[in-house]
C-alpha atoms as a PDB file:
ATOM      1  CA  MET A   1     -16.916  11.313  41.174  1.00  0.00           C
ATOM      2  CA  ARG A   2     -14.801  10.210  44.146  1.00  0.00           C
ATOM      3  CA  HIS A   3     -15.239   7.253  46.484  1.00  0.00           C
ATOM      4  CA  PHE A   4     -13.301   6.868  49.738  1.00  0.00           C
ATOM      5  CA  TYR A   5     -13.656   5.967  53.389  1.00  0.00           C
ATOM      6  CA  TYR A   6     -13.676   8.803  55.902  1.00  0.00           C
ATOM      7  CA  THR A   7     -10.774   7.130  57.750  1.00  0.00           C
ATOM      8  CA  GLU A   8      -8.554   7.851  54.718  1.00  0.00           C
ATOM      9  CA  ILE A   9      -8.693  11.554  55.667  1.00  0.00           C
ATOM     10  CA  HIS A  10      -6.342  12.601  58.477  1.00  0.00           C
ATOM     11  CA  PRO A  11      -8.145  14.205  61.446  1.00  0.00           C
ATOM     12  CA  GLU A  12      -7.116  17.743  62.417  1.00  0.00           C
ATOM     13  CA  ASP A  13      -7.455  19.168  65.918  1.00  0.00           C
ATOM     14  CA  ILE A  14     -10.138  21.837  66.242  1.00  0.00           C
ATOM     15  CA  ASP A  15      -8.611  24.995  67.698  1.00  0.00           C
ATOM     16  CA  LYS A  16      -8.879  25.739  71.400  1.00  0.00           C
ATOM     17  CA  PRO A  17     -11.003  26.406  73.352  1.00  0.00           C
ATOM     18  CA  ALA A  18     -12.428  23.195  71.838  1.00  0.00           C
ATOM     19  CA  VAL A  19     -11.454  20.186  73.961  1.00  0.00           C
ATOM     20  CA  ASP A  20     -10.543  16.806  72.449  1.00  0.00           C
ATOM     21  CA  ALA A  21     -12.348  17.565  69.172  1.00  0.00           C
ATOM     22  CA  LYS A  22     -11.078  16.671  65.697  1.00  0.00           C
ATOM     23  CA  ARG A  23     -12.346  17.287  62.187  1.00  0.00           C
ATOM     24  CA  ARG A  24     -11.825  15.368  58.936  1.00  0.00           C
ATOM     25  CA  TRP A  25     -12.524  17.528  55.857  1.00  0.00           C
ATOM     26  CA  LEU A  26     -14.281  15.020  53.583  1.00  0.00           C
ATOM     27  CA  VAL A  27     -15.660  17.355  50.900  1.00  0.00           C
ATOM     28  CA  THR A  28     -14.010  20.708  50.177  1.00  0.00           C
ATOM     29  CA  LYS A  29     -13.508  23.230  47.406  1.00  0.00           C
ATOM     30  CA  GLU A  30      -9.986  21.840  46.933  1.00  0.00           C
ATOM     31  CA  LYS A  31     -11.510  18.386  46.390  1.00  0.00           C
ATOM     32  CA  GLY A  32     -13.872  19.720  43.717  1.00  0.00           C
ATOM     33  CA  SER A  33     -16.936  20.978  45.613  1.00  0.00           C
ATOM     34  CA  PRO A  34     -17.616  24.615  44.630  1.00  0.00           C
ATOM     35  CA  ASN A  35     -20.607  25.181  46.944  1.00  0.00           C
ATOM     36  CA  PHE A  36     -20.374  23.227  50.200  1.00  0.00           C
ATOM     37  CA  THR A  37     -18.036  21.430  52.577  1.00  0.00           C
ATOM     38  CA  MET A  38     -18.663  18.325  54.619  1.00  0.00           C
ATOM     39  CA  ALA A  39     -16.598  17.353  57.645  1.00  0.00           C
ATOM     40  CA  MET A  40     -16.704  14.407  60.037  1.00  0.00           C
ATOM     41  CA  VAL A  41     -16.339  15.832  63.542  1.00  0.00           C
ATOM     42  CA  GLU A  42     -15.197  13.524  66.337  1.00  0.00           C
ATOM     43  CA  VAL A  43     -15.483  14.634  69.975  1.00  0.00           C
ATOM     44  CA  ALA A  44     -13.918  12.450  72.676  1.00  0.00           C
ATOM     45  CA  PRO A  45     -15.829  11.669  75.895  1.00  0.00           C
ATOM     46  CA  GLY A  46     -15.877  14.817  78.028  1.00  0.00           C
ATOM     47  CA  GLY A  47     -14.780  16.934  75.047  1.00  0.00           C
ATOM     48  CA  SER A  48     -16.484  19.788  73.248  1.00  0.00           C
ATOM     49  CA  THR A  49     -16.401  21.916  70.122  1.00  0.00           C
ATOM     50  CA  LEU A  50     -16.035  25.697  70.191  1.00  0.00           C
ATOM     51  CA  ARG A  51     -18.907  27.854  71.438  1.00  0.00           C
ATOM     52  CA  HIS A  52     -19.360  30.054  68.389  1.00  0.00           C
ATOM     53  CA  SER A  53     -21.637  31.586  65.788  1.00  0.00           C
ATOM     54  CA  HIS A  54     -21.187  32.495  62.133  1.00  0.00           C
ATOM     55  CA  HIS A  55     -23.064  34.400  59.469  1.00  0.00           C
ATOM     56  CA  TYR A  56     -23.959  31.277  57.476  1.00  0.00           C
ATOM     57  CA  GLU A  57     -26.375  28.411  58.046  1.00  0.00           C
ATOM     58  CA  HIS A  58     -25.224  24.839  58.403  1.00  0.00           C
ATOM     59  CA  ALA A  59     -26.441  21.382  59.343  1.00  0.00           C
ATOM     60  CA  MET A  60     -25.175  18.572  61.530  1.00  0.00           C
ATOM     61  CA  TYR A  61     -26.093  14.895  61.240  1.00  0.00           C
ATOM     62  CA  PHE A  62     -25.210  12.787  64.285  1.00  0.00           C
ATOM     63  CA  ILE A  63     -23.895   9.302  63.588  1.00  0.00           C
ATOM     64  CA  ASP A  64     -22.536   7.826  66.823  1.00  0.00           C
ATOM     65  CA  GLY A  65     -22.335   8.599  70.526  1.00  0.00           C
ATOM     66  CA  ASN A  66     -24.345  10.879  72.791  1.00  0.00           C
ATOM     67  CA  GLY A  67     -23.988  14.505  73.681  1.00  0.00           C
ATOM     68  CA  GLU A  68     -25.688  17.816  74.095  1.00  0.00           C
ATOM     69  CA  LEU A  69     -26.172  20.902  71.990  1.00  0.00           C
ATOM     70  CA  LEU A  70     -25.585  24.154  73.843  1.00  0.00           C
ATOM     71  CA  GLU A  71     -27.876  26.828  72.423  1.00  0.00           C
ATOM     72  CA  ALA A  72     -28.597  30.421  73.421  1.00  0.00           C
ATOM     73  CA  ASN A  73     -31.568  29.282  75.576  1.00  0.00           C
ATOM     74  CA  GLY A  74     -30.001  26.199  77.206  1.00  0.00           C
ATOM     75  CA  THR A  75     -29.056  22.673  76.186  1.00  0.00           C
ATOM     76  CA  SER A  76     -30.743  19.771  74.475  1.00  0.00           C
ATOM     77  CA  PRO A  77     -29.559  16.167  74.044  1.00  0.00           C
ATOM     78  CA  VAL A  78     -28.284  14.873  70.695  1.00  0.00           C
ATOM     79  CA  SER A  79     -27.968  11.248  69.615  1.00  0.00           C
ATOM     80  CA  PRO A  80     -27.460   9.122  66.491  1.00  0.00           C
ATOM     81  CA  TRP A  81     -29.700   9.750  63.474  1.00  0.00           C
ATOM     82  CA  GLU A  82     -30.577  13.239  64.697  1.00  0.00           C
ATOM     83  CA  VAL A  83     -30.296  16.255  62.396  1.00  0.00           C
ATOM     84  CA  VAL A  84     -29.663  19.778  63.669  1.00  0.00           C
ATOM     85  CA  TYR A  85     -30.126  22.821  61.434  1.00  0.00           C
ATOM     86  CA  ILE A  86     -28.369  25.961  62.677  1.00  0.00           C
ATOM     87  CA  GLU A  87     -29.537  29.306  61.358  1.00  0.00           C
ATOM     88  CA  PRO A  88     -27.063  32.134  60.670  1.00  0.00           C
ATOM     89  CA  ASN A  89     -25.718  33.898  63.790  1.00  0.00           C
ATOM     90  CA  GLU A  90     -27.009  31.270  66.268  1.00  0.00           C
ATOM     91  CA  PHE A  91     -24.544  30.456  69.057  1.00  0.00           C
ATOM     92  CA  HIS A  92     -23.939  26.727  69.399  1.00  0.00           C
ATOM     93  CA  GLN A  93     -21.548  24.178  70.873  1.00  0.00           C
ATOM     94  CA  ILE A  94     -21.509  20.389  70.980  1.00  0.00           C
ATOM     95  CA  ARG A  95     -20.443  18.547  74.127  1.00  0.00           C
ATOM     96  CA  ASN A  96     -19.859  14.809  74.431  1.00  0.00           C
ATOM     97  CA  THR A  97     -21.736  13.555  77.507  1.00  0.00           C
ATOM     98  CA  GLY A  98     -21.340   9.861  76.679  1.00  0.00           C
ATOM     99  CA  SER A  99     -18.692   7.212  77.183  1.00  0.00           C
ATOM    100  CA  ARG A 100     -17.607   6.842  73.526  1.00  0.00           C
ATOM    101  CA  VAL A 101     -16.617   9.151  70.703  1.00  0.00           C
ATOM    102  CA  LEU A 102     -19.416  11.428  69.485  1.00  0.00           C
ATOM    103  CA  ARG A 103     -19.367  11.606  65.669  1.00  0.00           C
ATOM    104  CA  PHE A 104     -21.348  13.879  63.394  1.00  0.00           C
ATOM    105  CA  LEU A 105     -21.236  15.235  59.864  1.00  0.00           C
ATOM    106  CA  SER A 106     -21.167  19.010  59.469  1.00  0.00           C
ATOM    107  CA  VAL A 107     -22.262  20.518  56.148  1.00  0.00           C
ATOM    108  CA  GLU A 108     -21.387  24.183  55.519  1.00  0.00           C
ATOM    109  CA  PRO A 109     -21.120  26.541  52.544  1.00  0.00           C
ATOM    110  CA  VAL A 110     -17.703  27.014  50.943  1.00  0.00           C
ATOM    111  CA  ALA A 111     -17.798  30.826  51.266  1.00  0.00           C
ATOM    112  CA  LYS A 112     -17.653  31.561  54.994  1.00  0.00           C
ATOM    113  CA  GLU A 113     -15.983  33.575  57.715  1.00  0.00           C
ATOM    114  CA  GLU A 114     -15.888  32.253  61.262  1.00  0.00           C
ATOM    115  CA  LYS A 115     -16.803  34.485  64.222  1.00  0.00           C
ATOM    116  CA  LYS A 116     -15.862  33.022  67.592  1.00  0.00           C
ATOM    117  CA  ALA A 117     -17.319  34.089  70.922  1.00  0.00           C
END
């Protein structure tokens, strides 16, 4: 068992075309989790994650800030305490529409390959 604060993990920039988005890998295979990863994603005001899809499902849990989820059929707002489940192969992107950092947890399987649009 491990206990730590998320701020102990150094944030990494998310590759372009993401804008002002960072990720902290909190739970990984290298840290002892054989089945899933968990990352804290932080998107600065006006920033966004990649618009992408992948063959695996994953979930996001929003903690702080306000933004929008870009989906295949449009956008919908996201805010703290909201959970988003993304099915395999669904295009998605998160944009920060608020005035402070948008933070959310992303839980994904360990075995994955990323496909970017």
